[in-house]
Amino acid sequence: MQRVITDFGADNPFHSVGAKLKEHYGISVPQGAAITLTERHARALSEADITPATSTVVTPLALIAETDGSMVPVVETGAGTPDVPDKRRHRTLLWKEARLSLVRRPDEVTPIFDVTLGDVATTGAALKRLTIAAGLKPTTRVHGVGDGAPWIAEQIELQFGAQGHYLIDFYHLCEYLAAAAPVCAPEQATDWMTDQKARLKAGQLDAVMAALHPYVEPDTVDNAHAPVRACTRYIANRPGQFKYREAIAANLPIGSGEVESAHRFVIQKRLKLPGAWWNPVNAQAMLNLRVLRANHCWQRYWNKAAAA
């Protein structure tokens, strides 16, 4: 019965768990019991529990690694008031970034995941752990792709060294180009954008920069009104991160839409409910529970729990 309650609690608001148990099993369980049991099992999960066993199939030539942040609502009680008996009277509501990582082989459809409320080093370590589970070997290339957050590229380099390469999400870069297009080609902005996209995919980054350069706003123009300058700086500050031609030739993704979409069913479906605020410890535990399910480690955990 603990497995059933945790199953419902992992996917549904706690207030609805009792009704589902009554409907399917004819059993009445208080909401408090559903919360206690679900969170107990969630907090018991270790990294080993939520990480799939290391793949023993043929060594992959490449692995795709993506990471992206999503904000979840948390509540901290008694912050800065250690002498107050009832800390519930001193609650701080805030949003905390949950960093979702995924790794998969290019020939697979389903990735494996990790989510952490920890710092960027914790996220980088999670990426490394996932790649090892996916079969990482010294000959494997790690293809990282994501937005322009510098810490992601830094962690790819730190965790994988020469094995890793980071690619800026193509569509993220295109947002900068789209903002610059009306300045560079006010009468033909759409055609101008089409040309720059084609150049990027053909490995002609220098030609893109050349198309932008004549229209770069002077430094006297406020940043909010200098989209061409913003675009050129964005590109210049990320050398080597726009190798779309090579990625396309290797049949590797040039966009990070996969991890961005995964936010909805791994994190947001359960933790971003109307009116829900989570204790940070319980939030991480529930994220682990969601990852346990997404990584198909559910049965293995319950086998372990039954044997304990």
C-alpha atoms as a PDB file:
ATOM      1  CA  MET A   1       0.000   0.000   0.000  1.00  0.00           C
ATOM      2  CA  GLN A   2       2.928   2.363   0.591  1.00  0.00           C
ATOM      3  CA  ARG A   3       3.912   1.892  -3.031  1.00  0.00           C
ATOM      4  CA  VAL A   4       0.396   2.739  -4.209  1.00  0.00           C
ATOM      5  CA  ILE A   5       0.205   5.875  -2.072  1.00  0.00           C
ATOM      6  CA  THR A   6       3.650   7.011  -3.212  1.00  0.00           C
ATOM      7  CA  ASP A   7       2.664   6.291  -6.794  1.00  0.00           C
ATOM      8  CA  PHE A   8      -0.360   8.566  -6.550  1.00  0.00           C
ATOM      9  CA  GLY A   9       1.539  11.187  -4.532  1.00  0.00           C
ATOM     10  CA  ALA A  10       4.341  11.349  -7.089  1.00  0.00           C
ATOM     11  CA  ASP A  11       1.953  12.411  -9.836  1.00  0.00           C
ATOM     12  CA  ASN A  12      -0.978  14.137  -8.119  1.00  0.00           C
ATOM     13  CA  PRO A  13      -1.665  16.856  -5.540  1.00  0.00           C
ATOM     14  CA  PHE A  14      -1.727  15.320  -2.083  1.00  0.00           C
ATOM     15  CA  HIS A  15      -5.309  16.432  -1.479  1.00  0.00           C
ATOM     16  CA  SER A  16      -6.488  14.180  -4.333  1.00  0.00           C
ATOM     17  CA  VAL A  17      -4.605  11.044  -3.261  1.00  0.00           C
ATOM     18  CA  GLY A  18      -7.270   9.981  -0.765  1.00  0.00           C
ATOM     19  CA  ALA A  19     -10.018  10.184  -3.370  1.00  0.00           C
ATOM     20  CA  LYS A  20      -8.028   8.078  -5.809  1.00  0.00           C
ATOM     21  CA  LEU A  21      -7.337   5.426  -3.189  1.00  0.00           C
ATOM     22  CA  LYS A  22     -11.027   5.346  -2.304  1.00  0.00           C
ATOM     23  CA  GLU A  23     -12.026   5.031  -5.964  1.00  0.00           C
ATOM     24  CA  HIS A  24      -9.562   2.308  -6.948  1.00  0.00           C
ATOM     25  CA  TYR A  25      -9.068   0.382  -3.697  1.00  0.00           C
ATOM     26  CA  GLY A  26     -11.976   1.326  -1.429  1.00  0.00           C
ATOM     27  CA  ILE A  27      -9.514   2.532   1.218  1.00  0.00           C
ATOM     28  CA  SER A  28      -9.706   5.819   3.107  1.00  0.00           C
ATOM     29  CA  VAL A  29      -6.374   7.485   3.911  1.00  0.00           C
ATOM     30  CA  PRO A  30      -6.007  10.935   5.490  1.00  0.00           C
ATOM     31  CA  GLN A  31      -4.197  13.553   3.447  1.00  0.00           C
ATOM     32  CA  GLY A  32      -1.525  13.850   6.122  1.00  0.00           C
ATOM     33  CA  ALA A  33      -0.716  10.155   5.833  1.00  0.00           C
ATOM     34  CA  ALA A  34      -0.385  10.449   2.055  1.00  0.00           C
ATOM     35  CA  ILE A  35       2.032  13.360   2.460  1.00  0.00           C
ATOM     36  CA  THR A  36       4.076  11.609   5.136  1.00  0.00           C
ATOM     37  CA  LEU A  37       4.443   8.330   3.227  1.00  0.00           C
ATOM     38  CA  THR A  38       5.204   9.928  -0.148  1.00  0.00           C
ATOM     39  CA  GLU A  39       7.779  12.335   1.237  1.00  0.00           C
ATOM     40  CA  ARG A  40       9.355   9.598   3.382  1.00  0.00           C
ATOM     41  CA  HIS A  41      10.102   7.480   0.338  1.00  0.00           C
ATOM     42  CA  ALA A  42      11.120  10.532  -1.678  1.00  0.00           C
ATOM     43  CA  ARG A  43      13.633  11.591   0.988  1.00  0.00           C
ATOM     44  CA  ALA A  44      15.015   8.054   1.161  1.00  0.00           C
ATOM     45  CA  LEU A  45      16.123   8.134  -2.471  1.00  0.00           C
ATOM     46  CA  SER A  46      19.845   8.228  -3.172  1.00  0.00           C
ATOM     47  CA  GLU A  47      21.728   9.171  -6.349  1.00  0.00           C
ATOM     48  CA  ALA A  48      22.211   5.466  -6.996  1.00  0.00           C
ATOM     49  CA  ASP A  49      18.453   4.861  -6.733  1.00  0.00           C
ATOM     50  CA  ILE A  50      17.525   7.454  -9.355  1.00  0.00           C
ATOM     51  CA  THR A  51      20.397   6.768 -11.779  1.00  0.00           C
ATOM     52  CA  PRO A  52      19.987   3.903 -14.261  1.00  0.00           C
ATOM     53  CA  ALA A  53      22.528   1.103 -14.246  1.00  0.00           C
ATOM     54  CA  THR A  54      25.529   1.813 -16.459  1.00  0.00           C
ATOM     55  CA  SER A  55      24.847   0.839 -20.046  1.00  0.00           C
ATOM     56  CA  THR A  56      26.720  -2.231 -21.248  1.00  0.00           C
ATOM     57  CA  VAL A  57      25.798  -1.937 -24.919  1.00  0.00           C
ATOM     58  CA  VAL A  58      28.247  -0.830 -27.609  1.00  0.00           C
ATOM     59  CA  THR A  59      30.327   2.198 -26.587  1.00  0.00           C
ATOM     60  CA  PRO A  60      28.653   5.342 -27.963  1.00  0.00           C
ATOM     61  CA  LEU A  61      30.618   7.552 -30.342  1.00  0.00           C
ATOM     62  CA  ALA A  62      28.716  10.532 -28.959  1.00  0.00           C
ATOM     63  CA  LEU A  63      26.351  11.453 -26.151  1.00  0.00           C
ATOM     64  CA  ILE A  64      23.949  14.394 -26.160  1.00  0.00           C
ATOM     65  CA  ALA A  65      23.934  16.401 -22.918  1.00  0.00           C
ATOM     66  CA  GLU A  66      21.527  19.247 -22.183  1.00  0.00           C
ATOM     67  CA  THR A  67      20.728  21.251 -19.068  1.00  0.00           C
ATOM     68  CA  ASP A  68      18.384  24.121 -18.348  1.00  0.00           C
ATOM     69  CA  GLY A  69      16.835  25.844 -15.341  1.00  0.00           C
ATOM     70  CA  SER A  70      13.213  26.096 -14.244  1.00  0.00           C
ATOM     71  CA  MET A  71      11.913  28.027 -11.240  1.00  0.00           C
ATOM     72  CA  VAL A  72       9.964  26.211  -8.533  1.00  0.00           C
ATOM     73  CA  PRO A  73       8.117  27.793  -5.586  1.00  0.00           C
ATOM     74  CA  VAL A  74       9.659  27.189  -2.154  1.00  0.00           C
ATOM     75  CA  VAL A  75       8.945  28.455   1.338  1.00  0.00           C
ATOM     76  CA  GLU A  76      11.564  28.952   4.031  1.00  0.00           C
ATOM     77  CA  THR A  77      10.399  29.219   7.642  1.00  0.00           C
ATOM     78  CA  GLY A  78      12.090  31.026  10.507  1.00  0.00           C
ATOM     79  CA  ALA A  79      14.818  32.512   8.340  1.00  0.00           C
ATOM     80  CA  GLY A  80      16.892  34.836  10.483  1.00  0.00           C
ATOM     81  CA  THR A  81      14.713  34.276  13.568  1.00  0.00           C
ATOM     82  CA  PRO A  82      16.297  31.376  15.477  1.00  0.00           C
ATOM     83  CA  ASP A  83      14.751  32.385  18.830  1.00  0.00           C
ATOM     84  CA  VAL A  84      11.145  32.474  17.637  1.00  0.00           C
ATOM     85  CA  PRO A  85       9.265  29.356  18.889  1.00  0.00           C
ATOM     86  CA  ASP A  86       6.704  29.311  16.070  1.00  0.00           C
ATOM     87  CA  LYS A  87       8.786  29.726  12.924  1.00  0.00           C
ATOM     88  CA  ARG A  88       5.684  29.370  10.752  1.00  0.00           C
ATOM     89  CA  ARG A  89       4.966  33.014  11.556  1.00  0.00           C
ATOM     90  CA  HIS A  90       8.156  33.991   9.770  1.00  0.00           C
ATOM     91  CA  ARG A  91       7.834  32.476   6.327  1.00  0.00           C
ATOM     92  CA  THR A  92       9.675  33.609   3.225  1.00  0.00           C
ATOM     93  CA  LEU A  93       8.169  32.687  -0.132  1.00  0.00           C
ATOM     94  CA  LEU A  94      10.602  32.614  -3.018  1.00  0.00           C
ATOM     95  CA  TRP A  95      11.433  30.962  -6.319  1.00  0.00           C
ATOM     96  CA  LYS A  96      14.414  28.654  -6.559  1.00  0.00           C
ATOM     97  CA  GLU A  97      16.024  27.350  -9.733  1.00  0.00           C
ATOM     98  CA  ALA A  98      15.739  23.634 -10.384  1.00  0.00           C
ATOM     99  CA  ARG A  99      18.374  22.634 -12.926  1.00  0.00           C
ATOM    100  CA  LEU A 100      17.210  19.823 -15.166  1.00  0.00           C
ATOM    101  CA  SER A 101      19.826  17.766 -17.003  1.00  0.00           C
ATOM    102  CA  LEU A 102      19.364  15.056 -19.605  1.00  0.00           C
ATOM    103  CA  VAL A 103      21.670  12.720 -21.484  1.00  0.00           C
ATOM    104  CA  ARG A 104      20.954  10.335 -24.322  1.00  0.00           C
ATOM    105  CA  ARG A 105      22.626   8.551 -27.196  1.00  0.00           C
ATOM    106  CA  PRO A 106      21.953  10.016 -30.662  1.00  0.00           C
ATOM    107  CA  ASP A 107      20.219   6.797 -31.739  1.00  0.00           C
ATOM    108  CA  GLU A 108      17.881   6.742 -28.720  1.00  0.00           C
ATOM    109  CA  VAL A 109      14.612   8.564 -28.161  1.00  0.00           C
ATOM    110  CA  THR A 110      14.309   8.464 -24.380  1.00  0.00           C
ATOM    111  CA  PRO A 111      16.948  10.312 -22.321  1.00  0.00           C
ATOM    112  CA  ILE A 112      17.868   9.884 -18.682  1.00  0.00           C
ATOM    113  CA  PHE A 113      17.433  12.787 -16.260  1.00  0.00           C
ATOM    114  CA  ASP A 114      18.575  14.513 -13.116  1.00  0.00           C
ATOM    115  CA  VAL A 115      17.158  17.571 -11.348  1.00  0.00           C
ATOM    116  CA  THR A 116      18.906  19.514  -8.611  1.00  0.00           C
ATOM    117  CA  LEU A 117      18.217  22.599  -6.551  1.00  0.00           C
ATOM    118  CA  GLY A 118      21.953  22.728  -5.848  1.00  0.00           C
ATOM    119  CA  ASP A 119      24.660  24.890  -7.367  1.00  0.00           C
ATOM    120  CA  VAL A 120      26.221  24.694 -10.816  1.00  0.00           C
ATOM    121  CA  ALA A 121      28.948  22.314  -9.632  1.00  0.00           C
ATOM    122  CA  THR A 122      26.246  19.897  -8.473  1.00  0.00           C
ATOM    123  CA  THR A 123      24.613  20.166 -11.882  1.00  0.00           C
ATOM    124  CA  GLY A 124      27.898  19.486 -13.645  1.00  0.00           C
ATOM    125  CA  ALA A 125      28.506  16.432 -11.480  1.00  0.00           C
ATOM    126  CA  ALA A 126      25.011  15.193 -12.331  1.00  0.00           C
ATOM    127  CA  LEU A 127      25.749  15.535 -16.049  1.00  0.00           C
ATOM    128  CA  LYS A 128      28.915  13.497 -15.600  1.00  0.00           C
ATOM    129  CA  ARG A 129      27.033  10.826 -13.638  1.00  0.00           C
ATOM    130  CA  LEU A 130      24.382  10.568 -16.344  1.00  0.00           C
ATOM    131  CA  THR A 131      26.936  10.254 -19.137  1.00  0.00           C
ATOM    132  CA  ILE A 132      28.674   7.448 -17.257  1.00  0.00           C
ATOM    133  CA  ALA A 133      25.333   5.673 -16.899  1.00  0.00           C
ATOM    134  CA  ALA A 134      24.797   6.145 -20.645  1.00  0.00           C
ATOM    135  CA  GLY A 135      28.094   4.422 -21.430  1.00  0.00           C
ATOM    136  CA  LEU A 136      30.686   7.233 -21.485  1.00  0.00           C
ATOM    137  CA  LYS A 137      34.144   6.005 -22.445  1.00  0.00           C
ATOM    138  CA  PRO A 138      37.412   7.870 -23.209  1.00  0.00           C
ATOM    139  CA  THR A 139      36.561   7.744 -26.917  1.00  0.00           C
ATOM    140  CA  THR A 140      33.068   9.190 -26.506  1.00  0.00           C
ATOM    141  CA  ARG A 141      32.383  12.757 -27.568  1.00  0.00           C
ATOM    142  CA  VAL A 142      29.965  14.704 -25.345  1.00  0.00           C
ATOM    143  CA  HIS A 143      27.800  17.077 -27.361  1.00  0.00           C
ATOM    144  CA  GLY A 144      26.483  19.747 -25.019  1.00  0.00           C
ATOM    145  CA  VAL A 145      23.794  22.110 -26.227  1.00  0.00           C
ATOM    146  CA  GLY A 146      21.909  24.835 -24.387  1.00  0.00           C
ATOM    147  CA  ASP A 147      21.359  28.546 -23.985  1.00  0.00           C
ATOM    148  CA  GLY A 148      24.032  31.178 -23.503  1.00  0.00           C
ATOM    149  CA  ALA A 149      24.410  30.831 -19.723  1.00  0.00           C
ATOM    150  CA  PRO A 150      28.207  30.785 -19.262  1.00  0.00           C
ATOM    151  CA  TRP A 151      28.101  28.262 -16.402  1.00  0.00           C
ATOM    152  CA  ILE A 152      26.776  25.503 -18.697  1.00  0.00           C
ATOM    153  CA  ALA A 153      29.690  25.769 -21.116  1.00  0.00           C
ATOM    154  CA  GLU A 154      32.066  25.989 -18.153  1.00  0.00           C
ATOM    155  CA  GLN A 155      30.698  22.773 -16.632  1.00  0.00           C
ATOM    156  CA  ILE A 156      30.891  20.923 -19.956  1.00  0.00           C
ATOM    157  CA  GLU A 157      34.560  21.873 -20.170  1.00  0.00           C
ATOM    158  CA  LEU A 158      35.239  21.107 -16.508  1.00  0.00           C
ATOM    159  CA  GLN A 159      33.518  17.723 -16.487  1.00  0.00           C
ATOM    160  CA  PHE A 160      34.553  16.433 -19.908  1.00  0.00           C
ATOM    161  CA  GLY A 161      37.634  18.368 -20.996  1.00  0.00           C
ATOM    162  CA  ALA A 162      38.629  17.665 -24.596  1.00  0.00           C
ATOM    163  CA  GLN A 163      35.836  15.094 -24.891  1.00  0.00           C
ATOM    164  CA  GLY A 164      33.211  17.791 -24.548  1.00  0.00           C
ATOM    165  CA  HIS A 165      31.998  20.505 -26.891  1.00  0.00           C
ATOM    166  CA  TYR A 166      29.311  23.078 -26.207  1.00  0.00           C
ATOM    167  CA  LEU A 167      26.915  24.439 -28.813  1.00  0.00           C
ATOM    168  CA  ILE A 168      24.710  27.481 -28.294  1.00  0.00           C
ATOM    169  CA  ASP A 169      21.072  26.675 -28.959  1.00  0.00           C
ATOM    170  CA  PHE A 170      20.473  27.745 -32.561  1.00  0.00           C
ATOM    171  CA  TYR A 171      17.064  29.226 -31.881  1.00  0.00           C
ATOM    172  CA  HIS A 172      18.355  31.185 -28.896  1.00  0.00           C
ATOM    173  CA  LEU A 173      20.935  32.857 -31.139  1.00  0.00           C
ATOM    174  CA  CYS A 174      18.241  33.499 -33.730  1.00  0.00           C
ATOM    175  CA  GLU A 175      16.350  35.587 -31.162  1.00  0.00           C
ATOM    176  CA  TYR A 176      19.306  37.994 -31.107  1.00  0.00           C
ATOM    177  CA  LEU A 177      19.472  38.022 -34.899  1.00  0.00           C
ATOM    178  CA  ALA A 178      15.723  38.625 -35.154  1.00  0.00           C
ATOM    179  CA  ALA A 179      16.059  41.686 -32.924  1.00  0.00           C
ATOM    180  CA  ALA A 180      18.892  43.002 -35.107  1.00  0.00           C
ATOM    181  CA  ALA A 181      17.183  42.269 -38.449  1.00  0.00           C
ATOM    182  CA  PRO A 182      14.957  45.397 -38.602  1.00  0.00           C
ATOM    183  CA  VAL A 183      18.053  47.568 -38.115  1.00  0.00           C
ATOM    184  CA  CYS A 184      20.229  45.727 -40.635  1.00  0.00           C
ATOM    185  CA  ALA A 185      17.540  45.278 -43.297  1.00  0.00           C
ATOM    186  CA  PRO A 186      14.466  47.341 -42.433  1.00  0.00           C
ATOM    187  CA  GLU A 187      12.753  46.608 -45.760  1.00  0.00           C
ATOM    188  CA  GLN A 188      13.711  42.936 -45.992  1.00  0.00           C
ATOM    189  CA  ALA A 189      14.105  41.725 -42.412  1.00  0.00           C
ATOM    190  CA  THR A 190      12.606  38.291 -43.104  1.00  0.00           C
ATOM    191  CA  ASP A 191      14.873  37.608 -46.091  1.00  0.00           C
ATOM    192  CA  TRP A 192      17.869  38.898 -44.136  1.00  0.00           C
ATOM    193  CA  MET A 193      17.095  36.473 -41.295  1.00  0.00           C
ATOM    194  CA  THR A 194      16.755  33.574 -43.749  1.00  0.00           C
ATOM    195  CA  ASP A 195      20.186  34.384 -45.184  1.00  0.00           C
ATOM    196  CA  GLN A 196      21.840  34.529 -41.743  1.00  0.00           C
ATOM    197  CA  LYS A 197      20.318  31.211 -40.683  1.00  0.00           C
ATOM    198  CA  ALA A 198      21.593  29.570 -43.840  1.00  0.00           C
ATOM    199  CA  ARG A 199      25.056  31.033 -43.255  1.00  0.00           C
ATOM    200  CA  LEU A 200      25.136  29.765 -39.676  1.00  0.00           C
ATOM    201  CA  LYS A 201      24.185  26.242 -40.731  1.00  0.00           C
ATOM    202  CA  ALA A 202      26.844  26.371 -43.440  1.00  0.00           C
ATOM    203  CA  GLY A 203      29.545  27.349 -40.952  1.00  0.00           C
ATOM    204  CA  GLN A 204      29.832  30.925 -42.228  1.00  0.00           C
ATOM    205  CA  LEU A 205      29.835  32.743 -38.902  1.00  0.00           C
ATOM    206  CA  ASP A 206      32.272  35.355 -40.214  1.00  0.00           C
ATOM    207  CA  ALA A 207      29.785  36.274 -42.933  1.00  0.00           C
ATOM    208  CA  VAL A 208      27.073  36.730 -40.314  1.00  0.00           C
ATOM    209  CA  MET A 209      29.322  39.022 -38.308  1.00  0.00           C
ATOM    210  CA  ALA A 210      30.166  40.936 -41.480  1.00  0.00           C
ATOM    211  CA  ALA A 211      26.458  41.458 -42.161  1.00  0.00           C
ATOM    212  CA  LEU A 212      25.994  42.848 -38.656  1.00  0.00           C
ATOM    213  CA  HIS A 213      29.115  44.983 -38.388  1.00  0.00           C
ATOM    214  CA  PRO A 214      28.081  48.042 -40.481  1.00  0.00           C
ATOM    215  CA  TYR A 215      25.001  48.530 -38.306  1.00  0.00           C
ATOM    216  CA  VAL A 216      26.511  48.191 -34.824  1.00  0.00           C
ATOM    217  CA  GLU A 217      25.222  51.044 -32.690  1.00  0.00           C
ATOM    218  CA  PRO A 218      27.781  53.379 -31.080  1.00  0.00           C
ATOM    219  CA  ASP A 219      28.480  53.026 -27.382  1.00  0.00           C
ATOM    220  CA  THR A 220      26.549  56.215 -26.743  1.00  0.00           C
ATOM    221  CA  VAL A 221      23.311  54.365 -27.571  1.00  0.00           C
ATOM    222  CA  ASP A 222      21.593  52.789 -24.576  1.00  0.00           C
ATOM    223  CA  ASN A 223      21.798  48.983 -24.446  1.00  0.00           C
ATOM    224  CA  ALA A 224      18.023  48.714 -24.591  1.00  0.00           C
ATOM    225  CA  HIS A 225      18.106  50.332 -28.034  1.00  0.00           C
ATOM    226  CA  ALA A 226      21.176  48.595 -29.468  1.00  0.00           C
ATOM    227  CA  PRO A 227      20.097  45.136 -30.707  1.00  0.00           C
ATOM    228  CA  VAL A 228      22.897  44.826 -33.286  1.00  0.00           C
ATOM    229  CA  ARG A 229      25.561  45.599 -30.726  1.00  0.00           C
ATOM    230  CA  ALA A 230      23.984  43.076 -28.350  1.00  0.00           C
ATOM    231  CA  CYS A 231      24.021  40.402 -31.053  1.00  0.00           C
ATOM    232  CA  THR A 232      27.646  40.947 -32.037  1.00  0.00           C
ATOM    233  CA  ARG A 233      28.768  40.935 -28.406  1.00  0.00           C
ATOM    234  CA  TYR A 234      26.802  37.783 -27.730  1.00  0.00           C
ATOM    235  CA  ILE A 235      28.596  35.994 -30.562  1.00  0.00           C
ATOM    236  CA  ALA A 236      32.036  37.435 -29.817  1.00  0.00           C
ATOM    237  CA  ASN A 237      31.833  36.437 -26.150  1.00  0.00           C
ATOM    238  CA  ARG A 238      31.208  32.765 -26.997  1.00  0.00           C
ATOM    239  CA  PRO A 239      33.979  31.690 -29.375  1.00  0.00           C
ATOM    240  CA  GLY A 240      33.766  28.177 -30.733  1.00  0.00           C
ATOM    241  CA  GLN A 241      30.175  27.649 -29.589  1.00  0.00           C
ATOM    242  CA  PHE A 242      28.424  28.045 -32.950  1.00  0.00           C
ATOM    243  CA  LYS A 243      29.597  25.006 -34.921  1.00  0.00           C
ATOM    244  CA  TYR A 244      26.216  24.154 -36.378  1.00  0.00           C
ATOM    245  CA  ARG A 245      27.578  22.761 -39.639  1.00  0.00           C
ATOM    246  CA  GLU A 246      29.611  20.139 -37.786  1.00  0.00           C
ATOM    247  CA  ALA A 247      26.673  19.179 -35.559  1.00  0.00           C
ATOM    248  CA  ILE A 248      24.311  18.810 -38.509  1.00  0.00           C
ATOM    249  CA  ALA A 249      26.858  16.680 -40.373  1.00  0.00           C
ATOM    250  CA  ALA A 250      27.160  14.412 -37.325  1.00  0.00           C
ATOM    251  CA  ASN A 251      23.356  14.170 -36.977  1.00  0.00           C
ATOM    252  CA  LEU A 252      23.473  15.923 -33.599  1.00  0.00           C
ATOM    253  CA  PRO A 253      20.897  18.475 -32.405  1.00  0.00           C
ATOM    254  CA  ILE A 254      21.525  22.193 -32.754  1.00  0.00           C
ATOM    255  CA  GLY A 255      18.706  23.146 -30.376  1.00  0.00           C
ATOM    256  CA  SER A 256      17.965  22.444 -26.718  1.00  0.00           C
ATOM    257  CA  GLY A 257      14.214  22.118 -27.091  1.00  0.00           C
ATOM    258  CA  GLU A 258      14.325  18.602 -25.674  1.00  0.00           C
ATOM    259  CA  VAL A 259      15.351  19.667 -22.188  1.00  0.00           C
ATOM    260  CA  GLU A 260      13.116  22.729 -22.317  1.00  0.00           C
ATOM    261  CA  SER A 261      10.118  20.511 -23.095  1.00  0.00           C
ATOM    262  CA  ALA A 262      11.101  18.050 -20.368  1.00  0.00           C
ATOM    263  CA  HIS A 263      10.565  20.736 -17.722  1.00  0.00           C
ATOM    264  CA  ARG A 264       6.830  20.327 -18.162  1.00  0.00           C
ATOM    265  CA  PHE A 265       6.550  16.612 -17.438  1.00  0.00           C
ATOM    266  CA  VAL A 266       9.493  16.100 -15.072  1.00  0.00           C
ATOM    267  CA  ILE A 267       9.229  19.223 -12.893  1.00  0.00           C
ATOM    268  CA  GLN A 268       6.271  21.464 -13.539  1.00  0.00           C
ATOM    269  CA  LYS A 269       3.504  18.876 -13.727  1.00  0.00           C
ATOM    270  CA  ARG A 270       3.934  18.105 -10.023  1.00  0.00           C
ATOM    271  CA  LEU A 271       5.843  20.942  -8.378  1.00  0.00           C
ATOM    272  CA  LYS A 272       4.332  23.986 -10.060  1.00  0.00           C
ATOM    273  CA  LEU A 273       0.706  23.601  -9.029  1.00  0.00           C
ATOM    274  CA  PRO A 274      -1.518  26.592  -8.176  1.00  0.00           C
ATOM    275  CA  GLY A 275      -0.998  27.624  -4.566  1.00  0.00           C
ATOM    276  CA  ALA A 276       1.724  25.038  -3.897  1.00  0.00           C
ATOM    277  CA  TRP A 277       4.867  26.098  -2.008  1.00  0.00           C
ATOM    278  CA  TRP A 278       7.501  23.563  -1.032  1.00  0.00           C
ATOM    279  CA  ASN A 279       9.969  23.199   1.773  1.00  0.00           C
ATOM    280  CA  PRO A 280      13.325  23.115  -0.109  1.00  0.00           C
ATOM    281  CA  VAL A 281      14.261  19.702   1.312  1.00  0.00           C
ATOM    282  CA  ASN A 282      10.917  18.220   0.335  1.00  0.00           C
ATOM    283  CA  ALA A 283      11.076  19.921  -3.066  1.00  0.00           C
ATOM    284  CA  GLN A 284      14.382  18.207  -3.852  1.00  0.00           C
ATOM    285  CA  ALA A 285      13.004  14.911  -2.573  1.00  0.00           C
ATOM    286  CA  MET A 286       9.945  15.172  -4.802  1.00  0.00           C
ATOM    287  CA  LEU A 287      12.143  16.075  -7.756  1.00  0.00           C
ATOM    288  CA  ASN A 288      14.132  12.912  -7.073  1.00  0.00           C
ATOM    289  CA  LEU A 289      10.889  10.947  -7.003  1.00  0.00           C
ATOM    290  CA  ARG A 290       9.916  12.388 -10.373  1.00  0.00           C
ATOM    291  CA  VAL A 291      13.349  11.488 -11.780  1.00  0.00           C
ATOM    292  CA  LEU A 292      13.041   7.964 -10.378  1.00  0.00           C
ATOM    293  CA  ARG A 293       9.933   7.524 -12.509  1.00  0.00           C
ATOM    294  CA  ALA A 294      11.315   9.259 -15.598  1.00  0.00           C
ATOM    295  CA  ASN A 295      14.476   7.124 -15.517  1.00  0.00           C
ATOM    296  CA  HIS A 296      12.485   3.876 -15.247  1.00  0.00           C
ATOM    297  CA  CYS A 297      14.097   3.041 -11.903  1.00  0.00           C
ATOM    298  CA  TRP A 298      10.754   2.738 -10.101  1.00  0.00           C
ATOM    299  CA  GLN A 299      10.596  -1.073  -9.964  1.00  0.00           C
ATOM    300  CA  ARG A 300      14.219  -1.353  -8.878  1.00  0.00           C
ATOM    301  CA  TYR A 301      13.610   0.971  -5.932  1.00  0.00           C
ATOM    302  CA  TRP A 302      10.578  -0.950  -4.717  1.00  0.00           C
ATOM    303  CA  ASN A 303      12.403  -4.238  -5.016  1.00  0.00           C
ATOM    304  CA  LYS A 304      15.080  -2.730  -2.774  1.00  0.00           C
ATOM    305  CA  ALA A 305      12.490  -1.380  -0.336  1.00  0.00           C
ATOM    306  CA  ALA A 306      10.751  -4.767  -0.119  1.00  0.00           C
ATOM    307  CA  ALA A 307      14.046  -6.499   0.648  1.00  0.00           C
ATOM    308  CA  ALA A 308      15.017  -4.033   3.371  1.00  0.00           C
END
